[in-house]
Protein backbone atom coordinates (compact mmCIF):
# COMPACT_ATOMS: atom_id res chain seq x y z
CA UNK A 1 -29.22 -16.23 -40.09
CA UNK A 2 -32.56 -14.82 -39.08
CA UNK A 3 -33.89 -15.32 -35.51
CA UNK A 4 -36.92 -17.20 -36.97
CA UNK A 5 -34.64 -19.66 -38.72
CA UNK A 6 -32.63 -20.23 -35.52
CA UNK A 7 -35.83 -20.94 -33.65
CA UNK A 8 -37.04 -23.49 -36.27
CA UNK A 9 -33.62 -25.16 -36.13
CA UNK A 10 -33.70 -25.33 -32.37
CA UNK A 11 -37.23 -26.84 -32.31
CA UNK A 12 -36.25 -29.39 -34.96
CA UNK A 13 -33.07 -30.49 -33.14
CA UNK A 14 -34.89 -30.81 -29.78
CA UNK A 15 -37.57 -33.01 -31.34
CA UNK A 16 -34.84 -35.02 -33.21
CA UNK A 17 -32.75 -35.27 -29.94
CA UNK A 18 -35.69 -36.52 -27.96
CA UNK A 19 -36.47 -39.28 -30.47
CA UNK A 20 -32.85 -40.13 -30.84
CA UNK A 21 -32.31 -40.66 -27.20
CA UNK A 22 -35.62 -42.57 -26.86
CA UNK A 23 -34.95 -45.19 -29.55
CA UNK A 24 -31.21 -45.43 -28.81
CA UNK A 25 -31.70 -46.15 -25.13
CA UNK A 26 -34.73 -48.49 -25.17
CA UNK A 27 -33.81 -51.73 -26.95
CA UNK A 28 -36.27 -54.56 -27.27
CA UNK A 29 -33.80 -57.26 -26.32
CA UNK A 30 -32.84 -55.73 -22.95
CA UNK A 31 -35.35 -57.70 -20.88
CA UNK A 32 -33.98 -60.98 -22.23
CA UNK A 33 -30.42 -59.84 -22.65
CA UNK A 34 -28.39 -62.74 -21.07
CA UNK A 35 -30.94 -65.24 -22.00
CA UNK A 36 -30.90 -64.22 -25.68
CA UNK A 37 -27.14 -64.58 -25.88
CA UNK A 38 -27.31 -68.10 -24.29
CA UNK A 39 -30.20 -69.12 -26.55
CA UNK A 40 -28.15 -68.25 -29.55
CA UNK A 41 -25.66 -70.89 -28.39
CA UNK A 42 -23.11 -68.93 -26.39
CA UNK A 43 -21.81 -70.01 -23.04
CA UNK A 44 -21.71 -68.08 -19.82
CA UNK A 45 -17.96 -67.53 -20.12
CA UNK A 46 -18.37 -66.27 -23.66
CA UNK A 47 -21.05 -63.92 -22.42
CA UNK A 48 -18.75 -62.55 -19.78
CA UNK A 49 -15.86 -62.08 -22.33
CA UNK A 50 -18.21 -60.29 -24.67
CA UNK A 51 -19.25 -57.86 -21.96
CA UNK A 52 -15.63 -57.20 -21.24
CA UNK A 53 -15.02 -56.40 -25.05
CA UNK A 54 -17.98 -54.10 -25.06
CA UNK A 55 -16.56 -52.12 -22.00
CA UNK A 56 -13.04 -52.15 -23.40
CA UNK A 57 -14.40 -50.65 -26.67
CA UNK A 58 -16.03 -47.79 -24.83
CA UNK A 59 -12.86 -47.04 -22.79
CA UNK A 60 -10.66 -46.95 -25.83
CA UNK A 61 -12.99 -44.80 -27.94
CA UNK A 62 -14.36 -42.48 -25.29
CA UNK A 63 -11.68 -39.76 -25.51
CA UNK A 64 -11.14 -40.10 -29.36
CA UNK A 65 -14.92 -39.77 -30.03
CA UNK A 66 -15.05 -36.58 -27.90
CA UNK A 67 -12.14 -35.15 -29.95
CA UNK A 68 -13.78 -36.04 -33.19
CA UNK A 69 -16.96 -34.43 -32.19
CA UNK A 70 -15.03 -31.17 -31.50
CA UNK A 71 -13.19 -31.42 -34.75
CA UNK A 72 -15.59 -32.97 -37.28
CA UNK A 73 -18.78 -31.90 -35.73
CA UNK A 74 -21.39 -33.50 -33.46
CA UNK A 75 -23.84 -34.30 -36.20
CA UNK A 76 -21.39 -36.51 -37.96
CA UNK A 77 -20.72 -38.47 -34.66
CA UNK A 78 -24.48 -38.93 -34.27
CA UNK A 79 -24.82 -40.25 -37.84
CA UNK A 80 -21.93 -42.64 -37.12
CA UNK A 81 -23.86 -43.62 -33.99
CA UNK A 82 -26.91 -44.57 -36.11
CA UNK A 83 -24.88 -46.43 -38.58
CA UNK A 84 -23.11 -48.33 -35.87
CA UNK A 85 -26.37 -49.30 -34.32
CA UNK A 86 -27.88 -50.48 -37.69
CA UNK A 87 -24.82 -52.59 -38.31
CA UNK A 88 -24.79 -54.14 -34.77
CA UNK A 89 -28.48 -55.31 -35.30
CA UNK A 90 -27.78 -56.67 -38.73
CA UNK A 91 -24.83 -58.66 -37.42
CA UNK A 92 -27.10 -60.31 -34.84
CA UNK A 93 -29.82 -60.97 -37.39
CA UNK A 94 -27.51 -62.81 -39.68
CA UNK A 95 -25.64 -64.74 -36.83
CA UNK A 96 -26.42 -68.42 -37.00
CA UNK A 97 -27.99 -70.09 -34.00
CA UNK A 98 -25.46 -72.58 -32.43
CA UNK A 99 -22.91 -71.36 -34.98
CA UNK A 100 -19.85 -72.12 -32.99
CA UNK A 101 -16.70 -70.06 -33.71
CA UNK A 102 -18.53 -68.13 -36.45
CA UNK A 103 -21.31 -67.22 -33.95
CA UNK A 104 -18.83 -65.91 -31.29
CA UNK A 105 -16.87 -64.01 -33.90
CA UNK A 106 -20.09 -62.20 -35.15
CA UNK A 107 -20.97 -61.47 -31.52
CA UNK A 108 -17.49 -59.97 -30.85
CA UNK A 109 -18.11 -57.69 -33.89
CA UNK A 110 -21.61 -56.80 -32.56
CA UNK A 111 -20.08 -55.82 -29.16
CA UNK A 112 -17.33 -53.60 -30.87
CA UNK A 113 -19.93 -51.89 -32.86
CA UNK A 114 -22.24 -51.37 -29.90
CA UNK A 115 -19.33 -50.00 -27.84
CA UNK A 116 -18.46 -47.65 -30.71
CA UNK A 117 -22.04 -46.48 -30.84
CA UNK A 118 -22.10 -45.78 -27.18
CA UNK A 119 -18.80 -43.85 -27.36
CA UNK A 120 -19.90 -41.85 -30.41
CA UNK A 121 -23.17 -40.78 -28.86
CA UNK A 122 -21.76 -39.96 -25.44
CA UNK A 123 -22.50 -36.28 -24.91
CA UNK A 124 -22.64 -35.33 -28.64
CA UNK A 125 -26.52 -35.44 -28.70
CA UNK A 126 -26.91 -33.26 -25.72
CA UNK A 127 -24.26 -30.78 -26.89
CA UNK A 128 -25.87 -30.44 -30.36
CA UNK A 129 -29.28 -29.80 -28.87
CA UNK A 130 -28.01 -27.39 -26.26
CA UNK A 131 -25.92 -25.42 -28.67
CA UNK A 132 -28.93 -24.92 -30.98
CA UNK A 133 -30.95 -23.66 -28.22
CA UNK A 134 -28.27 -21.31 -27.15
CA UNK A 135 -27.86 -19.94 -30.68
CA UNK A 136 -31.56 -19.19 -30.59
CA UNK A 137 -31.35 -17.50 -27.27
CA UNK A 138 -33.43 -20.18 -25.61
CA UNK A 139 -30.79 -21.96 -23.40
CA UNK A 140 -33.07 -21.25 -20.43
CA UNK A 141 -35.39 -24.01 -21.75
CA UNK A 142 -32.60 -26.61 -21.44
CA UNK A 143 -33.74 -27.87 -17.99
CA UNK A 144 -37.32 -28.39 -19.27
CA UNK A 145 -35.98 -30.12 -22.39
CA UNK A 146 -34.00 -32.54 -20.29
CA UNK A 147 -36.90 -33.25 -18.03
CA UNK A 148 -39.03 -34.16 -21.01
CA UNK A 149 -36.32 -36.20 -22.73
CA UNK A 150 -35.80 -38.29 -19.45
CA UNK A 151 -39.55 -38.75 -19.08
CA UNK A 152 -40.09 -39.81 -22.66
CA UNK A 153 -37.05 -42.04 -22.58
CA UNK A 154 -38.47 -43.76 -19.50
CA UNK A 155 -41.79 -44.36 -21.21
CA UNK A 156 -40.00 -45.75 -24.35
CA UNK A 157 -37.81 -48.00 -22.17
CA UNK A 158 -41.08 -49.20 -20.39
CA UNK A 159 -42.67 -50.10 -23.69
CA UNK A 160 -39.57 -51.81 -25.09
CA UNK A 161 -39.18 -53.97 -21.96
CA UNK A 162 -42.74 -55.08 -21.98
CA UNK A 163 -42.88 -55.74 -25.79
CA UNK A 164 -39.45 -57.32 -25.89
CA UNK A 165 -40.21 -59.84 -23.15
CA UNK A 166 -43.73 -60.54 -24.59
CA UNK A 167 -42.55 -61.31 -28.15
CA UNK A 168 -39.94 -63.67 -26.63
CA UNK A 169 -42.42 -65.90 -24.73
CA UNK A 170 -43.80 -68.63 -26.98
CA UNK A 171 -46.69 -69.40 -24.74
CA UNK A 172 -47.82 -65.78 -24.73
CA UNK A 173 -47.37 -65.43 -28.50
CA UNK A 174 -49.33 -68.59 -29.26
CA UNK A 175 -52.12 -67.34 -26.84
CA UNK A 176 -52.36 -64.13 -28.86
CA UNK A 177 -52.33 -66.11 -32.27
CA UNK A 178 -55.16 -68.20 -30.91
CA UNK A 179 -57.07 -65.12 -29.75
CA UNK A 180 -57.04 -63.88 -33.29
CA UNK A 181 -58.17 -67.27 -34.75
CA UNK A 182 -54.78 -68.35 -36.05
CA UNK A 183 -53.99 -72.08 -36.00
CA UNK A 184 -50.19 -71.36 -36.38
CA UNK A 185 -48.03 -72.50 -33.51
CA UNK A 186 -44.52 -71.05 -32.81
CA UNK A 187 -41.77 -72.53 -30.75
CA UNK A 188 -39.19 -70.57 -28.71
CA UNK A 189 -36.34 -71.02 -31.30
CA UNK A 190 -38.47 -69.15 -33.84
CA UNK A 191 -38.70 -66.13 -31.62
CA UNK A 192 -34.95 -65.59 -30.71
CA UNK A 193 -34.48 -62.87 -33.27
CA UNK A 194 -37.74 -61.10 -32.95
CA UNK A 195 -36.40 -58.51 -30.30
CA UNK A 196 -33.40 -58.00 -32.49
CA UNK A 197 -35.57 -57.20 -35.56
CA UNK A 198 -37.58 -54.75 -33.50
CA UNK A 199 -34.26 -53.15 -32.28
CA UNK A 200 -33.22 -52.88 -35.97
CA UNK A 201 -36.33 -50.77 -36.60
CA UNK A 202 -35.38 -48.61 -33.67
CA UNK A 203 -31.89 -48.18 -35.04
CA UNK A 204 -33.34 -46.88 -38.34
CA UNK A 205 -35.25 -44.17 -36.37
CA UNK A 206 -32.03 -43.34 -34.66
CA UNK A 207 -30.12 -42.92 -37.95
CA UNK A 208 -33.01 -40.87 -39.39
CA UNK A 209 -33.09 -38.49 -36.34
CA UNK A 210 -29.38 -37.96 -36.68
CA UNK A 211 -29.67 -37.06 -40.30
CA UNK A 212 -32.52 -34.68 -39.50
CA UNK A 213 -30.46 -32.59 -37.04
CA UNK A 214 -28.72 -29.51 -38.16
CA UNK A 215 -25.44 -28.04 -36.74
CA UNK A 216 -23.83 -24.74 -37.16
CA UNK A 217 -20.56 -24.68 -39.18
CA UNK A 218 -17.41 -25.06 -37.05
CA UNK A 219 -15.88 -21.60 -36.18
CA UNK A 220 -12.33 -22.65 -36.71
CA UNK A 221 -10.56 -25.69 -38.17
CA UNK A 222 -8.54 -27.67 -35.67
CA UNK A 223 -6.88 -30.81 -36.79
CA UNK A 224 -7.86 -34.20 -35.38
CA UNK A 225 -4.30 -34.82 -34.11
CA UNK A 226 -4.33 -31.47 -32.17
CA UNK A 227 -7.82 -32.10 -30.66
CA UNK A 228 -6.87 -35.59 -29.64
CA UNK A 229 -3.70 -34.32 -28.08
CA UNK A 230 -5.65 -31.69 -26.12
CA UNK A 231 -8.26 -34.15 -25.02
CA UNK A 232 -5.52 -36.55 -23.92
CA UNK A 233 -3.80 -33.81 -21.86
CA UNK A 234 -7.02 -32.81 -20.28
CA UNK A 235 -7.67 -36.45 -19.23
CA UNK A 236 -4.16 -36.78 -17.78
CA UNK A 237 -4.58 -33.57 -15.84
CA UNK A 238 -7.98 -34.73 -14.51
CA UNK A 239 -6.52 -38.16 -13.65
CA UNK A 240 -3.66 -36.59 -11.82
CA UNK A 241 -6.04 -34.30 -9.85
CA UNK A 242 -8.12 -37.31 -8.86
CA UNK A 243 -5.09 -39.18 -7.91
CA UNK A 244 -3.77 -36.51 -5.65
CA UNK A 245 -7.07 -35.52 -4.14
CA UNK A 246 -8.44 -37.75 -1.32
CA UNK A 247 -12.17 -37.12 -1.62
CA UNK A 248 -12.77 -37.55 -5.39
CA UNK A 249 -10.36 -40.39 -5.42
CA UNK A 250 -12.38 -42.18 -2.82
CA UNK A 251 -15.80 -41.37 -4.54
CA UNK A 252 -14.50 -42.84 -7.78
CA UNK A 253 -13.13 -45.99 -6.04
CA UNK A 254 -16.51 -46.45 -4.32
CA UNK A 255 -18.25 -46.02 -7.68
CA UNK A 256 -15.99 -48.53 -9.42
CA UNK A 257 -16.59 -51.22 -6.72
CA UNK A 258 -20.29 -50.92 -6.57
CA UNK A 259 -20.94 -50.38 -10.25
CA UNK A 260 -18.67 -53.12 -11.55
CA UNK A 261 -20.22 -55.89 -9.25
CA UNK A 262 -23.88 -54.90 -9.56
CA UNK A 263 -23.76 -54.12 -13.25
CA UNK A 264 -22.20 -57.56 -13.79
CA UNK A 265 -25.20 -59.09 -12.21
CA UNK A 266 -27.67 -56.82 -14.09
CA UNK A 267 -26.34 -58.05 -17.39
CA UNK A 268 -27.18 -61.61 -16.18
CA UNK A 269 -30.58 -60.64 -14.81
CA UNK A 270 -32.60 -62.50 -17.46
CA UNK A 271 -30.75 -65.72 -16.77
CA UNK A 272 -31.39 -65.20 -13.09
CA UNK A 273 -35.17 -64.82 -13.69
CA UNK A 274 -35.02 -67.99 -15.66
CA UNK A 275 -33.37 -69.83 -12.77
CA UNK A 276 -35.85 -68.58 -10.17
CA UNK A 277 -38.60 -69.87 -12.44
CA UNK A 278 -40.28 -66.59 -13.51
CA UNK A 279 -42.21 -66.62 -16.81
CA UNK A 280 -40.40 -64.87 -19.70
CA UNK A 281 -43.34 -62.52 -20.22
CA UNK A 282 -42.75 -61.10 -16.69
CA UNK A 283 -39.20 -59.98 -17.53
CA UNK A 284 -40.32 -56.82 -19.21
CA UNK A 285 -42.61 -56.06 -16.26
CA UNK A 286 -39.80 -56.64 -13.82
CA UNK A 287 -37.34 -54.46 -15.73
CA UNK A 288 -39.95 -51.73 -16.19
CA UNK A 289 -40.79 -51.79 -12.42
CA UNK A 290 -37.08 -51.61 -11.45
CA UNK A 291 -36.64 -48.67 -13.77
CA UNK A 292 -39.50 -46.79 -12.31
CA UNK A 293 -37.72 -46.95 -8.97
CA UNK A 294 -35.69 -44.09 -10.46
CA UNK A 295 -38.74 -41.85 -9.76
CA UNK A 296 -38.24 -41.99 -6.00
CA UNK A 297 -34.72 -43.39 -5.32
CA UNK A 298 -32.97 -40.06 -6.23
CA UNK A 299 -35.19 -38.21 -3.76
CA UNK A 300 -34.19 -40.67 -0.99
CA UNK A 301 -30.52 -40.26 -2.13
CA UNK A 302 -30.79 -36.51 -1.90
CA UNK A 303 -32.11 -36.69 1.59
CA UNK A 304 -29.35 -39.04 2.64
CA UNK A 305 -26.72 -36.83 1.04
CA UNK A 306 -28.13 -33.72 2.88
CA UNK A 307 -28.19 -35.61 6.25
CA UNK A 308 -25.23 -37.87 6.33
CA UNK A 309 -21.58 -37.75 5.33
CA UNK A 310 -20.33 -39.37 2.07
CA UNK A 311 -18.61 -42.20 3.99
CA UNK A 312 -21.75 -43.10 5.83
CA UNK A 313 -23.78 -43.05 2.63
CA UNK A 314 -21.37 -45.27 0.82
CA UNK A 315 -21.25 -47.71 3.79
CA UNK A 316 -25.09 -47.82 3.63
CA UNK A 317 -24.96 -48.58 -0.05
CA UNK A 318 -22.24 -51.17 0.41
CA UNK A 319 -24.25 -52.95 3.16
CA UNK A 320 -27.26 -52.94 0.87
CA UNK A 321 -25.30 -54.44 -2.01
CA UNK A 322 -23.85 -57.04 0.20
CA UNK A 323 -27.21 -58.04 1.56
CA UNK A 324 -28.68 -58.27 -1.97
CA UNK A 325 -25.81 -60.39 -3.25
CA UNK A 326 -26.19 -62.77 -0.29
CA UNK A 327 -29.83 -63.04 -1.15
CA UNK A 328 -29.13 -64.02 -4.79
CA UNK A 329 -27.03 -67.01 -3.67
CA UNK A 330 -30.13 -68.76 -2.50
CA UNK A 331 -31.87 -68.41 -5.88
CA UNK A 332 -35.31 -68.96 -4.30
CA UNK A 333 -38.10 -69.58 -6.80
CA UNK A 334 -40.15 -66.41 -7.24
CA UNK A 335 -39.07 -64.90 -3.96
CA UNK A 336 -35.55 -64.51 -5.41
CA UNK A 337 -36.66 -61.27 -6.94
CA UNK A 338 -36.64 -59.50 -3.54
CA UNK A 339 -32.86 -59.15 -3.06
CA UNK A 340 -32.55 -57.69 -6.60
CA UNK A 341 -34.57 -54.69 -5.36
CA UNK A 342 -31.59 -53.78 -3.14
CA UNK A 343 -29.19 -53.98 -6.05
CA UNK A 344 -31.20 -51.82 -8.33
CA UNK A 345 -31.81 -49.14 -5.64
CA UNK A 346 -28.10 -49.29 -4.59
CA UNK A 347 -26.72 -48.60 -8.21
CA UNK A 348 -29.29 -45.76 -8.70
CA UNK A 349 -28.23 -44.23 -5.39
CA UNK A 350 -24.58 -44.64 -6.19
CA UNK A 351 -25.11 -42.83 -9.42
CA UNK A 352 -26.71 -39.90 -7.52
CA UNK A 353 -24.00 -39.81 -4.85
CA UNK A 354 -21.18 -39.95 -7.33
CA UNK A 355 -22.56 -37.22 -9.62
CA UNK A 356 -23.32 -34.95 -6.75
CA UNK A 357 -20.08 -35.34 -4.90
CA UNK A 358 -17.99 -34.90 -8.01
CA UNK A 359 -19.84 -31.96 -9.31
CA UNK A 360 -19.46 -30.17 -5.99
CA UNK A 361 -15.82 -30.93 -5.68
CA UNK A 362 -14.24 -30.82 -9.09
CA UNK A 363 -12.72 -27.54 -10.55
CA UNK A 364 -15.01 -25.88 -13.00
CA UNK A 365 -12.43 -26.05 -15.75
CA UNK A 366 -12.01 -29.74 -15.32
CA UNK A 367 -15.57 -30.75 -14.27
CA UNK A 368 -16.63 -32.29 -17.60
CA UNK A 369 -13.33 -34.25 -17.89
CA UNK A 370 -13.51 -35.47 -14.34
CA UNK A 371 -17.04 -36.83 -14.98
CA UNK A 372 -15.99 -38.50 -18.19
CA UNK A 373 -12.98 -40.01 -16.26
CA UNK A 374 -15.68 -41.55 -13.91
CA UNK A 375 -17.24 -43.25 -16.92
CA UNK A 376 -13.91 -44.38 -18.20
CA UNK A 377 -12.85 -45.88 -14.81
CA UNK A 378 -16.15 -47.60 -14.11
CA UNK A 379 -16.30 -49.08 -17.59
CA UNK A 380 -12.63 -50.27 -17.32
CA UNK A 381 -13.25 -52.03 -13.97
CA UNK A 382 -16.56 -53.44 -15.31
CA UNK A 383 -14.74 -54.96 -18.21
CA UNK A 384 -12.10 -56.49 -15.90
CA UNK A 385 -14.86 -58.00 -13.62
CA UNK A 386 -16.56 -59.34 -16.76
CA UNK A 387 -13.35 -61.08 -17.76
CA UNK A 388 -12.88 -62.50 -14.23
CA UNK A 389 -16.44 -63.80 -14.33
CA UNK A 390 -15.70 -65.53 -17.58
CA UNK A 391 -12.70 -67.23 -15.98
CA UNK A 392 -14.82 -68.17 -12.96
CA UNK A 393 -17.37 -69.92 -15.13
CA UNK A 394 -14.61 -71.87 -16.84
CA UNK A 395 -13.39 -73.05 -13.41
CA UNK A 396 -16.80 -73.95 -12.14
CA UNK A 397 -17.74 -75.80 -15.36
CA UNK A 398 -14.49 -77.91 -15.00
CA UNK A 399 -16.03 -79.39 -11.75
CA UNK A 400 -19.20 -80.36 -13.81
CA UNK A 401 -17.62 -82.40 -16.56
CA UNK A 402 -19.82 -85.38 -15.85
CA UNK A 403 -22.65 -84.07 -17.91
CA UNK A 404 -25.59 -86.37 -18.34
CA UNK A 405 -26.74 -86.60 -21.96
CA UNK A 406 -29.57 -84.32 -22.50
CA UNK A 407 -29.05 -82.41 -19.25
CA UNK A 408 -26.84 -79.59 -20.57
CA UNK A 409 -29.41 -76.96 -19.73
CA UNK A 410 -29.53 -78.10 -16.13
CA UNK A 411 -25.79 -78.12 -15.88
CA UNK A 412 -25.63 -74.52 -17.21
CA UNK A 413 -28.28 -73.50 -14.57
CA UNK A 414 -26.15 -75.23 -11.82
CA UNK A 415 -22.85 -73.52 -13.00
CA UNK A 416 -24.74 -70.04 -13.06
CA UNK A 417 -26.18 -70.50 -9.58
CA UNK A 418 -22.77 -71.62 -8.18
CA UNK A 419 -21.24 -68.57 -9.71
CA UNK A 420 -23.64 -66.34 -7.81
CA UNK A 421 -22.15 -67.68 -4.64
CA UNK A 422 -18.84 -65.94 -5.41
CA UNK A 423 -20.48 -62.52 -5.73
CA UNK A 424 -20.83 -61.53 -1.98
CA UNK A 425 -17.17 -62.60 -1.09
CA UNK A 426 -15.76 -60.89 -4.12
CA UNK A 427 -17.58 -57.67 -3.42
CA UNK A 428 -16.55 -57.80 0.25
CA UNK A 429 -12.84 -58.43 -0.52
CA UNK A 430 -12.75 -55.77 -3.23
CA UNK A 431 -14.47 -53.13 -0.85
CA UNK A 432 -11.93 -53.94 1.93
CA UNK A 433 -8.99 -53.65 -0.48
CA UNK A 434 -10.28 -50.32 -1.84
CA UNK A 435 -10.82 -49.04 1.73
CA UNK A 436 -7.45 -50.02 2.96
CA UNK A 437 -5.70 -48.69 -0.09
CA UNK A 438 -7.38 -45.26 0.38
CA UNK A 439 -6.48 -45.29 4.12
CA UNK A 440 -2.86 -46.18 3.50
CA UNK A 441 -2.58 -43.44 0.81
CA UNK A 442 -4.39 -40.54 2.47
CA UNK A 443 -4.90 -41.57 6.18
CA UNK A 444 -8.20 -40.70 7.68
């Protein structure tokens, strides 16, 4: 193939990769994620179960999806990602509000499709774009490409958060309608599926970009079974290395503790904003502002990593998380947003520390597998914590059986606030158990 043709393919793939990542990552329902699930008619315990199902799907499909990408081709996995995303949005659009068992079943299907999309896209988009640049002799541009993709994805995320929250706020929508001279009035129930519809449009862009990409033919045919077996052996070897090596074992344990607890709250963030009496239209602004912390938090994390030991840095993060979780328990109107800043900053710092320490420690031939093992382990523990949270909600609700007619919403808020009170203790106990386990296994 001529050099000019390879250049054109590389440019086309880079543009498609950028748009693919932008529209896949930035979904319009994110700012009202938990609130939307509850407004559909689901309970808090069902919400926790669904998050556990989503995480379990990713864990189960992560290794097979990587093997399929190596065997069948990355473009096919990206096309599958687009199809899964379209289907997951369509399932939510047809799901009936307050649909009981049918509603929950459709949301289970949605979470499985969403997890399958995440697993299929994991790494395949970057690998295809990088390989096309390498084939054109332009792999030196990869750093600039990643920088632009991250910048454009952040911008898309900002827009999606702002728009998704705005179209979910009936008061704001009615104000806009009046501004344009319309006498129509909408109620909150009519807006539940609007962010889903906008995300469906995004999923169509994702599918279109996957179809637009081009990939070089596979050099040699390897059976799916052989590739799966090789991937499984690599994962087992990486797991054994982590298990037998004190430092990466401790790093991954720390990541599992911080990620599982903080991410569990982040999935509930929109319900928390509702409890502390923030207007729905502000959810997008809050989410966007928290995301923009990613501009300077990694710089602070780099300075801490250069100055202090890993143990000191993870202790610092752990104390920050504990203080943030303790602040949540007060659920202060408006001011309750302050402790969440600690949680957002802590999980961003944890991401930097874990990536840096594992990349510096892992053998080169196992580095990618070790990093994917980190994702498997954190998603596994997150799923387990989500299941525990669902059980906690069932237990707390059992103490609130005397529900006054017409006050169901108030009871749900009370159950949610009471559940927040368990977060600090759970995080502290989990951290101590992990610390003692590592100390007993490896000593100092």
